[in-house]
């Protein structure tokens, strides 16, 4: 009886590493977008808690704002609101351009968004320096500074994100119609900041 032998030189090893494909890249991209959305939902819950606290204080207070609290001016916050809303349309144009492989358009619109975001923050700081009440004046003042300050922190982070994407766009072929997650992430985050501010503006300045 002859034993069955295998020639080592004819043995084929089928241990191949998977080759990345465009489908895998798109799936990875989708997971990143999903992760960003989950993060923004978590941030939204924090803001929701702050909104609930503010409304609770307002409902239980005998007078709101408390007596002696100077009235908030609407002109500067209104201009700031218009700037921030406008910046959402501007950053969307950047996303539209990069999907057409227009990197120059991406840079132009992201730079414009960064300038508008910086103007918003400068306007908020100007308002802080000219308000006639401080953080400890009363419960309205405290919640006002917490809400607007926490939002301002998010705007600052969004501005850093936009500048980072703008910087990375200077590298040849870094962003294209096929590879633009950074651009998309910055846009989604900026829209989130915009929506939160609209709610804040209504609660603090209009309601």
N, C-alpha and C. Protein backbone atom coordinates (compact mmCIF):
# COMPACT_ATOMS: atom_id res chain seq x y z
N UNK A 1 0.86 -1.20 0.00
CA UNK A 1 0.00 0.00 0.00
C UNK A 1 0.88 1.23 0.00
N UNK A 2 0.65 2.06 -1.00
CA UNK A 2 1.48 3.26 -1.10
C UNK A 2 0.85 4.39 -0.29
N UNK A 3 1.67 5.05 0.48
CA UNK A 3 1.18 6.19 1.27
C UNK A 3 0.95 7.40 0.39
N UNK A 4 -0.01 8.14 0.77
CA UNK A 4 -0.31 9.37 0.03
C UNK A 4 0.56 10.49 0.55
N UNK A 5 1.32 11.06 -0.31
CA UNK A 5 2.23 12.16 0.07
C UNK A 5 1.89 13.40 -0.75
N UNK A 6 2.26 14.48 -0.18
CA UNK A 6 2.00 15.77 -0.86
C UNK A 6 3.32 16.46 -1.11
N UNK A 7 3.53 16.85 -2.31
CA UNK A 7 4.77 17.54 -2.67
C UNK A 7 4.70 18.96 -2.12
N UNK A 8 5.61 19.32 -1.19
CA UNK A 8 5.58 20.66 -0.60
C UNK A 8 5.71 21.75 -1.63
N UNK A 9 6.40 21.43 -2.74
CA UNK A 9 6.62 22.46 -3.76
C UNK A 9 5.35 22.77 -4.53
N UNK A 10 4.35 21.83 -4.41
CA UNK A 10 3.10 22.03 -5.14
C UNK A 10 1.97 22.48 -4.22
N UNK A 11 2.32 22.67 -2.95
CA UNK A 11 1.29 23.10 -2.00
C UNK A 11 0.99 24.58 -2.19
N UNK A 12 -0.24 24.89 -2.31
CA UNK A 12 -0.64 26.29 -2.50
C UNK A 12 -1.34 26.75 -1.23
N UNK A 13 -0.80 27.78 -0.64
CA UNK A 13 -1.40 28.34 0.57
C UNK A 13 -2.40 29.41 0.18
N UNK A 14 -3.60 29.26 0.67
CA UNK A 14 -4.67 30.18 0.31
C UNK A 14 -4.94 31.22 1.40
N UNK A 15 -3.91 31.57 2.13
CA UNK A 15 -4.06 32.58 3.19
C UNK A 15 -3.75 33.94 2.58
N UNK A 16 -4.73 34.53 2.01
CA UNK A 16 -4.56 35.83 1.37
C UNK A 16 -5.18 36.91 2.23
N UNK A 17 -4.50 38.04 2.30
CA UNK A 17 -5.06 39.18 3.01
C UNK A 17 -6.12 39.82 2.12
N UNK A 18 -7.26 40.26 2.72
CA UNK A 18 -8.30 40.89 1.90
C UNK A 18 -7.79 42.18 1.28
N UNK A 19 -8.12 42.36 0.02
CA UNK A 19 -7.70 43.55 -0.69
C UNK A 19 -8.76 44.62 -0.53
N UNK A 20 -8.39 45.81 -0.04
CA UNK A 20 -9.38 46.86 0.13
C UNK A 20 -10.03 47.22 -1.20
N UNK A 21 -11.29 47.40 -1.20
CA UNK A 21 -12.02 47.79 -2.39
C UNK A 21 -12.77 49.08 -2.12
N UNK A 22 -13.35 49.69 -3.19
CA UNK A 22 -14.12 50.91 -3.00
C UNK A 22 -15.33 50.66 -2.11
N UNK A 23 -15.89 49.44 -2.21
CA UNK A 23 -17.05 49.11 -1.37
C UNK A 23 -16.67 49.12 0.10
N UNK A 24 -15.45 48.54 0.41
CA UNK A 24 -14.99 48.56 1.80
C UNK A 24 -14.77 49.99 2.27
N UNK A 25 -14.19 50.81 1.41
CA UNK A 25 -13.93 52.20 1.78
C UNK A 25 -15.23 52.94 2.06
N UNK A 26 -16.25 52.70 1.20
CA UNK A 26 -17.53 53.36 1.42
C UNK A 26 -18.18 52.89 2.72
N UNK A 27 -18.05 51.58 3.02
CA UNK A 27 -18.62 51.06 4.25
C UNK A 27 -17.94 51.69 5.46
N UNK A 28 -16.60 51.84 5.40
CA UNK A 28 -15.86 52.47 6.49
C UNK A 28 -16.29 53.92 6.64
N UNK A 29 -16.49 54.59 5.51
CA UNK A 29 -16.93 55.97 5.52
C UNK A 29 -18.30 56.09 6.18
N UNK A 30 -19.20 55.18 5.86
CA UNK A 30 -20.53 55.19 6.46
C UNK A 30 -20.47 55.03 7.97
N UNK A 31 -19.58 54.18 8.45
CA UNK A 31 -19.44 53.99 9.89
C UNK A 31 -18.93 55.26 10.56
N UNK A 32 -18.06 55.98 9.90
CA UNK A 32 -17.55 57.23 10.46
C UNK A 32 -18.66 58.26 10.54
N UNK A 33 -19.47 58.37 9.52
CA UNK A 33 -20.60 59.29 9.55
C UNK A 33 -21.57 58.89 10.66
N UNK A 34 -21.82 57.59 10.78
CA UNK A 34 -22.70 57.10 11.84
C UNK A 34 -22.14 57.47 13.21
N UNK A 35 -20.83 57.30 13.40
CA UNK A 35 -20.20 57.65 14.67
C UNK A 35 -20.34 59.13 14.97
N UNK A 36 -20.18 59.97 13.94
CA UNK A 36 -20.33 61.41 14.13
C UNK A 36 -21.76 61.76 14.54
N UNK A 37 -22.73 61.13 13.90
CA UNK A 37 -24.13 61.40 14.22
C UNK A 37 -24.45 60.98 15.65
N UNK A 38 -23.92 59.83 16.08
CA UNK A 38 -24.13 59.38 17.46
C UNK A 38 -23.53 60.39 18.43
N UNK A 39 -22.33 60.89 18.11
CA UNK A 39 -21.69 61.90 18.96
C UNK A 39 -22.54 63.16 19.06
N UNK A 40 -23.08 63.61 17.92
CA UNK A 40 -23.89 64.82 17.92
C UNK A 40 -25.21 64.61 18.67
N UNK A 41 -25.75 63.41 18.60
CA UNK A 41 -26.96 63.10 19.38
C UNK A 41 -26.66 63.21 20.87
N UNK A 42 -25.48 62.71 21.28
CA UNK A 42 -25.08 62.81 22.69
C UNK A 42 -24.92 64.27 23.10
N UNK A 43 -24.29 65.08 22.23
CA UNK A 43 -24.14 66.50 22.53
C UNK A 43 -25.51 67.18 22.57
N UNK A 44 -26.39 66.76 21.67
CA UNK A 44 -27.73 67.33 21.66
C UNK A 44 -28.48 67.04 22.94
N UNK A 45 -28.25 65.87 23.52
CA UNK A 45 -28.91 65.53 24.79
C UNK A 45 -28.42 66.44 25.92
N UNK A 46 -27.14 66.80 25.87
CA UNK A 46 -26.63 67.73 26.88
C UNK A 46 -27.32 69.08 26.75
N UNK A 47 -27.40 69.57 25.52
CA UNK A 47 -28.09 70.84 25.31
C UNK A 47 -29.56 70.73 25.70
N UNK A 48 -30.18 69.59 25.41
CA UNK A 48 -31.57 69.40 25.78
C UNK A 48 -31.76 69.50 27.28
N UNK A 49 -30.81 68.94 28.03
CA UNK A 49 -30.87 69.04 29.49
C UNK A 49 -30.75 70.49 29.96
N UNK A 50 -29.87 71.24 29.32
CA UNK A 50 -29.71 72.66 29.66
C UNK A 50 -30.96 73.45 29.31
N UNK A 51 -31.55 73.15 28.16
CA UNK A 51 -32.79 73.82 27.78
C UNK A 51 -33.90 73.52 28.79
N UNK A 52 -33.99 72.26 29.21
CA UNK A 52 -35.02 71.86 30.17
C UNK A 52 -34.82 72.59 31.50
N UNK A 53 -33.57 72.70 31.93
CA UNK A 53 -33.28 73.41 33.18
C UNK A 53 -33.69 74.87 33.07
N UNK A 54 -33.35 75.49 31.96
CA UNK A 54 -33.69 76.91 31.75
C UNK A 54 -35.21 77.11 31.78
N UNK A 55 -35.94 76.24 31.08
CA UNK A 55 -37.39 76.37 31.04
C UNK A 55 -38.02 76.10 32.40
N UNK A 56 -37.42 75.17 33.15
CA UNK A 56 -37.91 74.90 34.51
C UNK A 56 -37.74 76.11 35.40
N UNK A 57 -36.55 76.71 35.35
CA UNK A 57 -36.32 77.93 36.14
C UNK A 57 -37.31 79.02 35.75
N UNK A 58 -37.56 79.13 34.47
CA UNK A 58 -38.48 80.17 33.98
C UNK A 58 -39.90 79.93 34.47
N UNK A 59 -40.33 78.68 34.47
CA UNK A 59 -41.71 78.36 34.86
C UNK A 59 -41.96 78.55 36.35
N UNK A 60 -40.95 78.22 37.18
CA UNK A 60 -41.16 78.29 38.63
C UNK A 60 -40.86 79.67 39.20
N UNK A 61 -40.18 80.52 38.42
CA UNK A 61 -39.83 81.85 38.92
C UNK A 61 -41.07 82.74 38.93
N UNK A 62 -41.25 83.54 39.97
CA UNK A 62 -42.41 84.44 40.02
C UNK A 62 -42.33 85.52 38.95
N UNK A 63 -41.10 85.86 38.54
CA UNK A 63 -40.91 86.86 37.49
C UNK A 63 -39.67 86.48 36.69
N UNK A 64 -39.79 86.57 35.36
CA UNK A 64 -38.66 86.18 34.50
C UNK A 64 -38.49 87.17 33.35
N UNK A 65 -37.30 87.71 33.19
CA UNK A 65 -36.14 87.61 34.08
C UNK A 65 -36.44 88.26 35.43
N UNK A 66 -35.66 87.92 36.45
CA UNK A 66 -35.88 88.50 37.78
C UNK A 66 -35.85 90.02 37.73
N UNK A 67 -36.57 90.62 38.62
CA UNK A 67 -36.67 92.08 38.66
C UNK A 67 -35.28 92.72 38.77
N UNK A 68 -35.07 93.74 38.00
CA UNK A 68 -33.79 94.43 38.00
C UNK A 68 -32.81 93.95 36.95
N UNK A 69 -33.15 92.88 36.24
CA UNK A 69 -32.27 92.38 35.19
C UNK A 69 -32.40 93.25 33.95
N UNK A 70 -31.30 93.82 33.47
CA UNK A 70 -31.37 94.66 32.26
C UNK A 70 -31.87 93.84 31.07
N UNK A 71 -32.64 94.49 30.21
CA UNK A 71 -33.19 93.82 29.04
C UNK A 71 -32.10 93.55 28.02
N UNK A 72 -32.14 92.39 27.42
CA UNK A 72 -31.16 92.03 26.41
C UNK A 72 -31.43 92.78 25.12
N UNK A 73 -30.37 93.26 24.49
CA UNK A 73 -30.49 93.90 23.18
C UNK A 73 -30.62 92.84 22.10
N UNK A 74 -31.37 93.15 21.06
CA UNK A 74 -31.61 92.18 19.99
C UNK A 74 -30.76 92.44 18.75
N UNK A 75 -30.24 93.64 18.59
CA UNK A 75 -29.55 93.98 17.34
C UNK A 75 -28.32 93.11 17.09
N UNK A 76 -27.38 93.12 18.02
CA UNK A 76 -26.16 92.34 17.83
C UNK A 76 -26.42 90.84 17.76
N UNK A 77 -27.20 90.26 18.70
CA UNK A 77 -27.51 88.83 18.59
C UNK A 77 -28.25 88.49 17.30
N UNK A 78 -29.09 89.42 16.83
CA UNK A 78 -29.81 89.19 15.58
C UNK A 78 -28.85 89.13 14.40
N UNK A 79 -27.89 90.05 14.37
CA UNK A 79 -26.88 90.04 13.31
C UNK A 79 -26.04 88.77 13.40
N UNK A 80 -25.66 88.40 14.62
CA UNK A 80 -24.90 87.17 14.82
C UNK A 80 -25.66 85.95 14.32
N UNK A 81 -26.96 85.93 14.59
CA UNK A 81 -27.79 84.81 14.14
C UNK A 81 -27.83 84.73 12.62
N UNK A 82 -27.99 85.88 11.98
CA UNK A 82 -28.02 85.91 10.52
C UNK A 82 -26.69 85.43 9.93
N UNK A 83 -25.58 85.82 10.57
CA UNK A 83 -24.26 85.39 10.10
C UNK A 83 -24.11 83.89 10.23
N UNK A 84 -24.52 83.34 11.36
CA UNK A 84 -24.36 81.90 11.58
C UNK A 84 -25.25 81.09 10.65
N UNK A 85 -26.48 81.53 10.46
CA UNK A 85 -27.36 80.84 9.53
C UNK A 85 -26.80 80.90 8.11
N UNK A 86 -26.31 82.07 7.73
CA UNK A 86 -25.71 82.22 6.40
C UNK A 86 -24.50 81.33 6.21
N UNK A 87 -23.73 81.12 7.28
CA UNK A 87 -22.53 80.30 7.16
C UNK A 87 -22.86 78.84 6.86
N UNK A 88 -24.05 78.40 7.25
CA UNK A 88 -24.45 77.02 6.94
C UNK A 88 -24.64 76.84 5.44
N UNK A 89 -25.18 77.86 4.78
CA UNK A 89 -25.33 77.80 3.33
C UNK A 89 -23.97 77.87 2.64
N UNK A 90 -23.08 78.66 3.22
CA UNK A 90 -21.74 78.80 2.64
C UNK A 90 -20.97 77.49 2.72
N UNK A 91 -20.97 76.84 3.88
CA UNK A 91 -20.22 75.60 4.04
C UNK A 91 -20.82 74.48 3.19
N UNK A 92 -22.13 74.54 2.96
CA UNK A 92 -22.75 73.53 2.08
C UNK A 92 -22.25 73.69 0.65
N UNK A 93 -21.98 74.92 0.24
CA UNK A 93 -21.45 75.14 -1.10
C UNK A 93 -20.07 74.51 -1.25
N UNK A 94 -19.28 74.54 -0.16
CA UNK A 94 -17.97 73.90 -0.19
C UNK A 94 -18.11 72.40 -0.40
N UNK A 95 -19.07 71.78 0.28
CA UNK A 95 -19.30 70.35 0.11
C UNK A 95 -19.74 70.03 -1.32
N UNK A 96 -20.58 70.91 -1.88
CA UNK A 96 -21.02 70.73 -3.27
C UNK A 96 -19.85 70.81 -4.23
N UNK A 97 -18.93 71.75 -4.00
CA UNK A 97 -17.79 71.93 -4.90
C UNK A 97 -16.82 70.75 -4.84
N UNK A 98 -16.53 70.24 -3.64
CA UNK A 98 -15.56 69.14 -3.55
C UNK A 98 -16.11 67.88 -4.21
N UNK A 99 -17.43 67.72 -4.21
CA UNK A 99 -18.02 66.57 -4.89
C UNK A 99 -17.91 66.70 -6.41
N UNK A 100 -17.53 67.89 -6.87
CA UNK A 100 -17.25 68.12 -8.29
C UNK A 100 -15.74 68.21 -8.54
N UNK A 101 -14.96 67.80 -7.53
CA UNK A 101 -13.49 67.87 -7.60
C UNK A 101 -12.98 69.30 -7.70
N UNK A 102 -13.74 70.24 -7.20
CA UNK A 102 -13.34 71.65 -7.22
C UNK A 102 -12.70 72.00 -5.87
N UNK A 103 -11.42 71.70 -5.73
CA UNK A 103 -10.72 71.94 -4.47
C UNK A 103 -10.60 73.43 -4.19
N UNK A 104 -10.41 74.22 -5.23
CA UNK A 104 -10.31 75.67 -5.05
C UNK A 104 -11.60 76.23 -4.47
N UNK A 105 -12.74 75.71 -4.95
CA UNK A 105 -14.02 76.14 -4.40
C UNK A 105 -14.17 75.74 -2.95
N UNK A 106 -13.71 74.52 -2.63
CA UNK A 106 -13.73 74.06 -1.23
C UNK A 106 -12.97 75.03 -0.34
N UNK A 107 -11.77 75.40 -0.77
CA UNK A 107 -10.95 76.31 0.05
C UNK A 107 -11.63 77.67 0.20
N UNK A 108 -12.19 78.17 -0.87
CA UNK A 108 -12.83 79.49 -0.83
C UNK A 108 -14.01 79.51 0.14
N UNK A 109 -14.88 78.51 0.04
CA UNK A 109 -16.08 78.50 0.88
C UNK A 109 -15.77 78.15 2.32
N UNK A 110 -14.77 77.30 2.54
CA UNK A 110 -14.38 76.99 3.93
C UNK A 110 -13.72 78.20 4.58
N UNK A 111 -12.93 78.94 3.82
CA UNK A 111 -12.32 80.16 4.36
C UNK A 111 -13.40 81.17 4.73
N UNK A 112 -14.41 81.31 3.87
CA UNK A 112 -15.51 82.23 4.15
C UNK A 112 -16.29 81.80 5.40
N UNK A 113 -16.50 80.50 5.54
CA UNK A 113 -17.20 79.99 6.73
C UNK A 113 -16.40 80.26 8.00
N UNK A 114 -15.08 80.07 7.91
CA UNK A 114 -14.22 80.32 9.07
C UNK A 114 -14.29 81.79 9.48
N UNK A 115 -14.30 82.68 8.51
CA UNK A 115 -14.39 84.12 8.81
C UNK A 115 -15.73 84.43 9.47
N UNK A 116 -16.79 83.87 8.95
CA UNK A 116 -18.12 84.10 9.53
C UNK A 116 -18.22 83.54 10.94
N UNK A 117 -17.62 82.37 11.17
CA UNK A 117 -17.61 81.80 12.51
C UNK A 117 -16.82 82.67 13.49
N UNK A 118 -15.69 83.21 13.02
CA UNK A 118 -14.88 84.08 13.87
C UNK A 118 -15.62 85.37 14.19
N UNK A 119 -16.35 85.90 13.23
CA UNK A 119 -17.15 87.11 13.47
C UNK A 119 -18.23 86.84 14.51
N UNK A 120 -18.86 85.66 14.41
CA UNK A 120 -19.87 85.29 15.40
C UNK A 120 -19.28 85.27 16.81
N UNK A 121 -18.13 84.64 16.96
CA UNK A 121 -17.51 84.57 18.28
C UNK A 121 -17.10 85.95 18.78
N UNK A 122 -16.58 86.78 17.87
CA UNK A 122 -16.20 88.13 18.26
C UNK A 122 -17.42 88.92 18.72
N UNK A 123 -18.54 88.74 18.02
CA UNK A 123 -19.77 89.41 18.42
C UNK A 123 -20.26 88.94 19.77
N UNK A 124 -20.12 87.65 20.04
CA UNK A 124 -20.53 87.12 21.33
C UNK A 124 -19.66 87.67 22.45
N UNK A 125 -18.37 87.75 22.23
CA UNK A 125 -17.47 88.32 23.23
C UNK A 125 -17.77 89.80 23.47
N UNK A 126 -18.06 90.51 22.39
CA UNK A 126 -18.41 91.93 22.52
C UNK A 126 -19.66 92.09 23.39
N UNK A 127 -20.64 91.22 23.16
CA UNK A 127 -21.86 91.27 23.96
C UNK A 127 -21.57 90.99 25.42
N UNK A 128 -20.71 89.99 25.69
CA UNK A 128 -20.35 89.67 27.07
C UNK A 128 -19.75 90.88 27.79
N UNK A 129 -18.85 91.58 27.11
CA UNK A 129 -18.16 92.70 27.73
C UNK A 129 -19.09 93.90 27.97
N UNK A 130 -20.23 93.94 27.29
CA UNK A 130 -21.12 95.08 27.41
C UNK A 130 -22.44 94.77 28.11
N UNK A 131 -22.60 93.54 28.56
CA UNK A 131 -23.80 93.21 29.33
C UNK A 131 -23.75 93.88 30.70
N UNK A 132 -24.92 94.22 31.20
CA UNK A 132 -24.99 94.91 32.48
C UNK A 132 -25.24 93.95 33.64
N UNK A 133 -25.01 92.67 33.42
CA UNK A 133 -25.12 91.70 34.50
C UNK A 133 -24.00 90.68 34.36
N UNK A 134 -23.64 90.07 35.49
CA UNK A 134 -22.57 89.09 35.48
C UNK A 134 -23.09 87.68 35.72
N UNK A 135 -22.15 86.75 35.80
CA UNK A 135 -22.51 85.35 35.95
C UNK A 135 -23.29 85.07 37.23
N UNK A 136 -23.00 85.83 38.29
CA UNK A 136 -23.62 85.58 39.59
C UNK A 136 -24.74 86.56 39.94
N UNK A 137 -25.17 87.35 38.98
CA UNK A 137 -26.20 88.36 39.27
C UNK A 137 -27.51 87.72 39.74
N UNK A 138 -28.00 86.75 39.00
CA UNK A 138 -29.22 86.02 39.35
C UNK A 138 -29.28 84.74 38.52
N UNK A 139 -30.35 83.97 38.69
CA UNK A 139 -30.47 82.68 38.01
C UNK A 139 -30.57 82.86 36.49
N UNK A 140 -31.21 83.94 36.05
CA UNK A 140 -31.29 84.18 34.61
C UNK A 140 -29.90 84.43 34.04
N UNK A 141 -29.13 85.28 34.70
CA UNK A 141 -27.78 85.59 34.23
C UNK A 141 -26.91 84.33 34.19
N UNK A 142 -27.02 83.52 35.22
CA UNK A 142 -26.21 82.29 35.27
C UNK A 142 -26.53 81.36 34.11
N UNK A 143 -27.84 81.13 33.89
CA UNK A 143 -28.23 80.23 32.79
C UNK A 143 -27.89 80.83 31.44
N UNK A 144 -27.98 82.14 31.32
CA UNK A 144 -27.63 82.81 30.06
C UNK A 144 -26.18 82.55 29.71
N UNK A 145 -25.29 82.76 30.66
CA UNK A 145 -23.86 82.57 30.40
C UNK A 145 -23.51 81.10 30.16
N UNK A 146 -24.16 80.21 30.90
CA UNK A 146 -23.88 78.78 30.72
C UNK A 146 -24.31 78.32 29.33
N UNK A 147 -25.52 78.69 28.92
CA UNK A 147 -26.04 78.27 27.63
C UNK A 147 -25.24 78.85 26.47
N UNK A 148 -25.06 80.16 26.48
CA UNK A 148 -24.34 80.80 25.37
C UNK A 148 -22.85 80.44 25.39
N UNK A 149 -22.29 80.30 26.59
CA UNK A 149 -20.87 79.94 26.68
C UNK A 149 -20.60 78.53 26.20
N UNK A 150 -21.49 77.60 26.56
CA UNK A 150 -21.32 76.21 26.12
C UNK A 150 -21.48 76.11 24.61
N UNK A 151 -22.42 76.88 24.08
CA UNK A 151 -22.57 76.91 22.62
C UNK A 151 -21.34 77.54 21.97
N UNK A 152 -20.84 78.62 22.56
CA UNK A 152 -19.64 79.26 22.03
C UNK A 152 -18.45 78.32 22.00
N UNK A 153 -18.36 77.44 22.99
CA UNK A 153 -17.30 76.43 23.02
C UNK A 153 -17.44 75.50 21.81
N UNK A 154 -18.65 75.13 21.49
CA UNK A 154 -18.89 74.26 20.33
C UNK A 154 -18.58 74.99 19.02
N UNK A 155 -18.90 76.27 18.96
CA UNK A 155 -18.55 77.05 17.76
C UNK A 155 -17.03 77.11 17.61
N UNK A 156 -16.33 77.29 18.72
CA UNK A 156 -14.86 77.34 18.68
C UNK A 156 -14.29 76.02 18.17
N UNK A 157 -14.82 74.91 18.66
CA UNK A 157 -14.37 73.61 18.20
C UNK A 157 -14.67 73.43 16.71
N UNK A 158 -15.86 73.87 16.29
CA UNK A 158 -16.22 73.79 14.87
C UNK A 158 -15.30 74.63 14.01
N UNK A 159 -14.92 75.80 14.51
CA UNK A 159 -14.00 76.66 13.77
C UNK A 159 -12.63 76.00 13.62
N UNK A 160 -12.16 75.37 14.68
CA UNK A 160 -10.89 74.64 14.61
C UNK A 160 -10.98 73.51 13.60
N UNK A 161 -12.10 72.82 13.59
CA UNK A 161 -12.30 71.72 12.64
C UNK A 161 -12.28 72.24 11.20
N UNK A 162 -12.94 73.35 10.96
CA UNK A 162 -12.97 73.94 9.62
C UNK A 162 -11.57 74.36 9.18
N UNK A 163 -10.82 74.98 10.09
CA UNK A 163 -9.46 75.40 9.75
C UNK A 163 -8.56 74.20 9.49
N UNK A 164 -8.78 73.10 10.23
CA UNK A 164 -7.99 71.89 10.02
C UNK A 164 -8.26 71.31 8.63
N UNK A 165 -9.53 71.28 8.23
CA UNK A 165 -9.87 70.79 6.90
C UNK A 165 -9.28 71.70 5.83
N UNK A 166 -9.36 73.00 6.08
CA UNK A 166 -8.78 73.97 5.13
C UNK A 166 -7.29 73.76 4.98
N UNK A 167 -6.60 73.52 6.09
CA UNK A 167 -5.16 73.27 6.05
C UNK A 167 -4.84 71.98 5.29
N UNK A 168 -5.59 70.95 5.57
CA UNK A 168 -5.34 69.66 4.91
C UNK A 168 -5.68 69.70 3.43
N UNK A 169 -6.55 70.62 3.04
CA UNK A 169 -6.90 70.74 1.62
C UNK A 169 -5.74 71.28 0.79
N UNK A 170 -4.75 71.87 1.46
CA UNK A 170 -3.59 72.38 0.75
C UNK A 170 -2.69 71.25 0.25
N UNK A 171 -2.84 70.07 0.83
CA UNK A 171 -2.07 68.91 0.38
C UNK A 171 -2.68 68.38 -0.92
N UNK A 172 -1.89 68.23 -1.96
CA UNK A 172 -2.43 67.79 -3.26
C UNK A 172 -3.18 66.46 -3.14
N UNK A 173 -4.36 66.42 -3.74
CA UNK A 173 -5.18 65.21 -3.82
C UNK A 173 -5.66 64.68 -2.46
N UNK A 174 -5.62 65.54 -1.44
CA UNK A 174 -6.07 65.06 -0.13
C UNK A 174 -7.60 64.90 -0.11
N UNK A 175 -8.29 65.85 -0.75
CA UNK A 175 -9.74 65.76 -0.86
C UNK A 175 -10.14 65.68 -2.33
N UNK A 176 -11.17 64.91 -2.60
CA UNK A 176 -11.66 64.76 -3.96
C UNK A 176 -13.12 64.35 -3.90
N UNK A 177 -13.71 64.14 -5.08
CA UNK A 177 -15.10 63.72 -5.13
C UNK A 177 -15.30 62.34 -4.51
N UNK A 178 -14.22 61.54 -4.46
CA UNK A 178 -14.30 60.20 -3.89
C UNK A 178 -13.84 60.15 -2.43
N UNK A 179 -13.14 61.17 -1.99
CA UNK A 179 -12.55 61.16 -0.64
C UNK A 179 -12.74 62.54 -0.02
N UNK A 180 -13.80 62.68 0.77
CA UNK A 180 -14.10 63.99 1.33
C UNK A 180 -14.82 63.88 2.69
N UNK A 181 -14.51 62.84 3.46
CA UNK A 181 -15.19 62.69 4.74
C UNK A 181 -14.95 63.88 5.66
N UNK A 182 -13.73 64.40 5.70
CA UNK A 182 -13.43 65.54 6.56
C UNK A 182 -14.31 66.73 6.26
N UNK A 183 -14.53 66.97 4.98
CA UNK A 183 -15.39 68.08 4.56
C UNK A 183 -16.83 67.84 5.02
N UNK A 184 -17.29 66.64 4.80
CA UNK A 184 -18.67 66.28 5.17
C UNK A 184 -18.87 66.34 6.68
N UNK A 185 -17.89 65.87 7.43
CA UNK A 185 -17.99 65.88 8.89
C UNK A 185 -18.05 67.31 9.43
N UNK A 186 -17.21 68.18 8.87
CA UNK A 186 -17.20 69.58 9.30
C UNK A 186 -18.54 70.24 9.00
N UNK A 187 -19.10 69.93 7.83
CA UNK A 187 -20.39 70.52 7.46
C UNK A 187 -21.50 70.05 8.40
N UNK A 188 -21.57 68.75 8.67
CA UNK A 188 -22.61 68.22 9.55
C UNK A 188 -22.50 68.84 10.94
N UNK A 189 -21.27 68.94 11.46
CA UNK A 189 -21.08 69.52 12.78
C UNK A 189 -21.51 70.98 12.80
N UNK A 190 -21.17 71.71 11.74
CA UNK A 190 -21.50 73.13 11.69
C UNK A 190 -23.01 73.35 11.61
N UNK A 191 -23.71 72.50 10.90
CA UNK A 191 -25.17 72.59 10.86
C UNK A 191 -25.76 72.35 12.25
N UNK A 192 -25.17 71.41 12.99
CA UNK A 192 -25.61 71.13 14.35
C UNK A 192 -25.47 72.38 15.22
N UNK A 193 -24.32 73.02 15.15
CA UNK A 193 -24.07 74.25 15.92
C UNK A 193 -25.08 75.32 15.55
N UNK A 194 -25.39 75.42 14.28
CA UNK A 194 -26.33 76.42 13.79
C UNK A 194 -27.73 76.18 14.36
N UNK A 195 -28.20 74.94 14.29
CA UNK A 195 -29.54 74.61 14.79
C UNK A 195 -29.65 74.88 16.29
N UNK A 196 -28.61 74.52 17.04
CA UNK A 196 -28.63 74.75 18.49
C UNK A 196 -28.72 76.25 18.78
N UNK A 197 -28.00 77.06 18.01
CA UNK A 197 -28.04 78.50 18.26
C UNK A 197 -29.42 79.08 17.97
N UNK A 198 -30.09 78.61 16.93
CA UNK A 198 -31.43 79.09 16.61
C UNK A 198 -32.37 78.84 17.80
N UNK A 199 -32.26 77.67 18.39
CA UNK A 199 -33.09 77.35 19.57
C UNK A 199 -32.72 78.27 20.74
N UNK A 200 -31.42 78.46 20.94
CA UNK A 200 -30.96 79.33 22.03
C UNK A 200 -31.44 80.77 21.83
N UNK A 201 -31.33 81.25 20.62
CA UNK A 201 -31.74 82.63 20.33
C UNK A 201 -33.23 82.82 20.63
N UNK A 202 -34.03 81.83 20.27
CA UNK A 202 -35.47 81.92 20.54
C UNK A 202 -35.74 81.91 22.05
N UNK A 203 -35.08 81.00 22.78
CA UNK A 203 -35.32 80.88 24.22
C UNK A 203 -34.86 82.10 25.00
N UNK A 204 -33.68 82.61 24.67
CA UNK A 204 -33.08 83.67 25.47
C UNK A 204 -33.50 85.08 25.06
N UNK A 205 -33.68 85.29 23.76
CA UNK A 205 -33.91 86.65 23.28
C UNK A 205 -35.35 86.93 22.83
N UNK A 206 -36.07 85.91 22.44
CA UNK A 206 -37.42 86.11 21.88
C UNK A 206 -38.52 85.70 22.86
N UNK A 207 -38.41 84.51 23.45
CA UNK A 207 -39.47 83.97 24.32
C UNK A 207 -39.68 84.83 25.56
